[in-house]
Amino acid sequence: MKSVNIKLYLAEDVKSFVNIVCRHPYDVDLRSGRHVVDAKSILGIFSLDLSKPISLDIYADECDALLAELKPFLA
């Protein structure tokens, strides 16, 4: 499992983020405080506090391709 912090500023950022994450077969969660949502769910992401960095948990060891695509969102 790998964990990184991300930042999503705009609704377009959320849409782009979900499109990228959905192209990969890994289970991916977003964690903000004690709330955890599926990172492939747009509605779930909008239920989080997007004004703060969010922790992205990727349940795979070899996820370099995903991390490379998510580089614009890394905090």
Protein backbone atom coordinates (compact mmCIF):
# COMPACT_ATOMS: atom_id res chain seq x y z
CA MET A 1 0.00 0.00 0.00
CA LYS A 2 1.19 3.49 -0.80
CA SER A 3 -0.14 6.70 0.67
CA VAL A 4 0.34 10.25 -0.69
CA ASN A 5 -1.32 13.60 -0.10
CA ILE A 6 -3.26 15.26 -2.90
CA LYS A 7 -5.03 18.58 -3.38
CA LEU A 8 -8.14 19.08 -5.51
CA TYR A 9 -9.00 22.75 -6.09
CA LEU A 10 -11.81 22.80 -8.64
CA ALA A 11 -14.68 20.58 -9.78
CA GLU A 12 -12.74 20.03 -13.02
CA ASP A 13 -9.82 18.73 -10.93
CA VAL A 14 -12.11 16.18 -9.30
CA LYS A 15 -13.43 15.06 -12.70
CA SER A 16 -9.91 14.67 -14.13
CA PHE A 17 -8.71 12.87 -10.99
CA VAL A 18 -11.57 10.34 -11.11
CA ASN A 19 -11.03 9.72 -14.84
CA ILE A 20 -7.35 8.95 -14.20
CA VAL A 21 -8.00 6.71 -11.18
CA CYS A 22 -10.75 4.75 -12.96
CA ARG A 23 -8.33 3.72 -15.73
CA HIS A 24 -6.26 1.71 -13.21
CA PRO A 25 -7.33 -1.59 -11.61
CA TYR A 26 -6.16 -0.73 -8.08
CA ASP A 27 -8.43 -0.20 -5.09
CA VAL A 28 -7.98 3.46 -4.14
CA ASP A 29 -9.41 5.37 -1.16
CA LEU A 30 -9.36 9.02 -0.12
CA ARG A 31 -9.10 9.86 3.56
CA SER A 32 -9.85 13.22 5.16
CA GLY A 33 -9.84 13.10 8.94
CA ARG A 34 -11.90 10.07 9.88
CA HIS A 35 -13.91 10.03 6.64
CA VAL A 36 -12.89 7.51 3.98
CA VAL A 37 -14.41 7.35 0.48
CA ASP A 38 -13.75 5.41 -2.70
CA ALA A 39 -11.48 7.56 -4.90
CA LYS A 40 -13.40 6.39 -7.98
CA SER A 41 -16.62 8.02 -6.72
CA ILE A 42 -17.20 11.65 -7.71
CA LEU A 43 -20.01 12.06 -5.19
CA GLY A 44 -17.88 10.54 -2.45
CA ILE A 45 -15.07 12.99 -3.15
CA PHE A 46 -17.41 15.96 -2.99
CA SER A 47 -18.51 14.83 0.49
CA LEU A 48 -14.96 15.49 1.76
CA ASP A 49 -13.49 18.81 2.89
CA LEU A 50 -11.58 19.78 -0.28
CA SER A 51 -10.07 22.89 1.31
CA LYS A 52 -7.41 20.72 2.98
CA PRO A 53 -4.97 18.17 1.55
CA ILE A 54 -6.47 14.68 1.30
CA SER A 55 -4.65 11.41 1.84
CA LEU A 56 -4.74 9.02 -1.13
CA ASP A 57 -4.33 5.34 -0.22
CA ILE A 58 -3.43 3.04 -3.12
CA TYR A 59 -3.74 -0.67 -2.32
CA ALA A 60 -0.94 -1.85 -4.62
CA ASP A 61 2.84 -1.86 -4.45
CA GLU A 62 3.55 -1.30 -8.16
CA CYS A 63 1.53 1.85 -8.85
CA ASP A 64 4.17 4.11 -10.41
CA ALA A 65 2.11 4.61 -13.58
CA LEU A 66 -0.83 5.92 -11.54
CA LEU A 67 1.37 8.19 -9.44
CA ALA A 68 2.97 9.61 -12.60
CA GLU A 69 -0.45 10.50 -14.02
CA LEU A 70 -1.54 12.05 -10.69
CA LYS A 71 1.56 14.28 -10.42
CA PRO A 72 -0.45 17.52 -10.98
CA PHE A 73 -2.61 16.71 -7.94
CA LEU A 74 0.15 15.75 -5.48
CA ALA A 75 0.42 18.13 -2.54
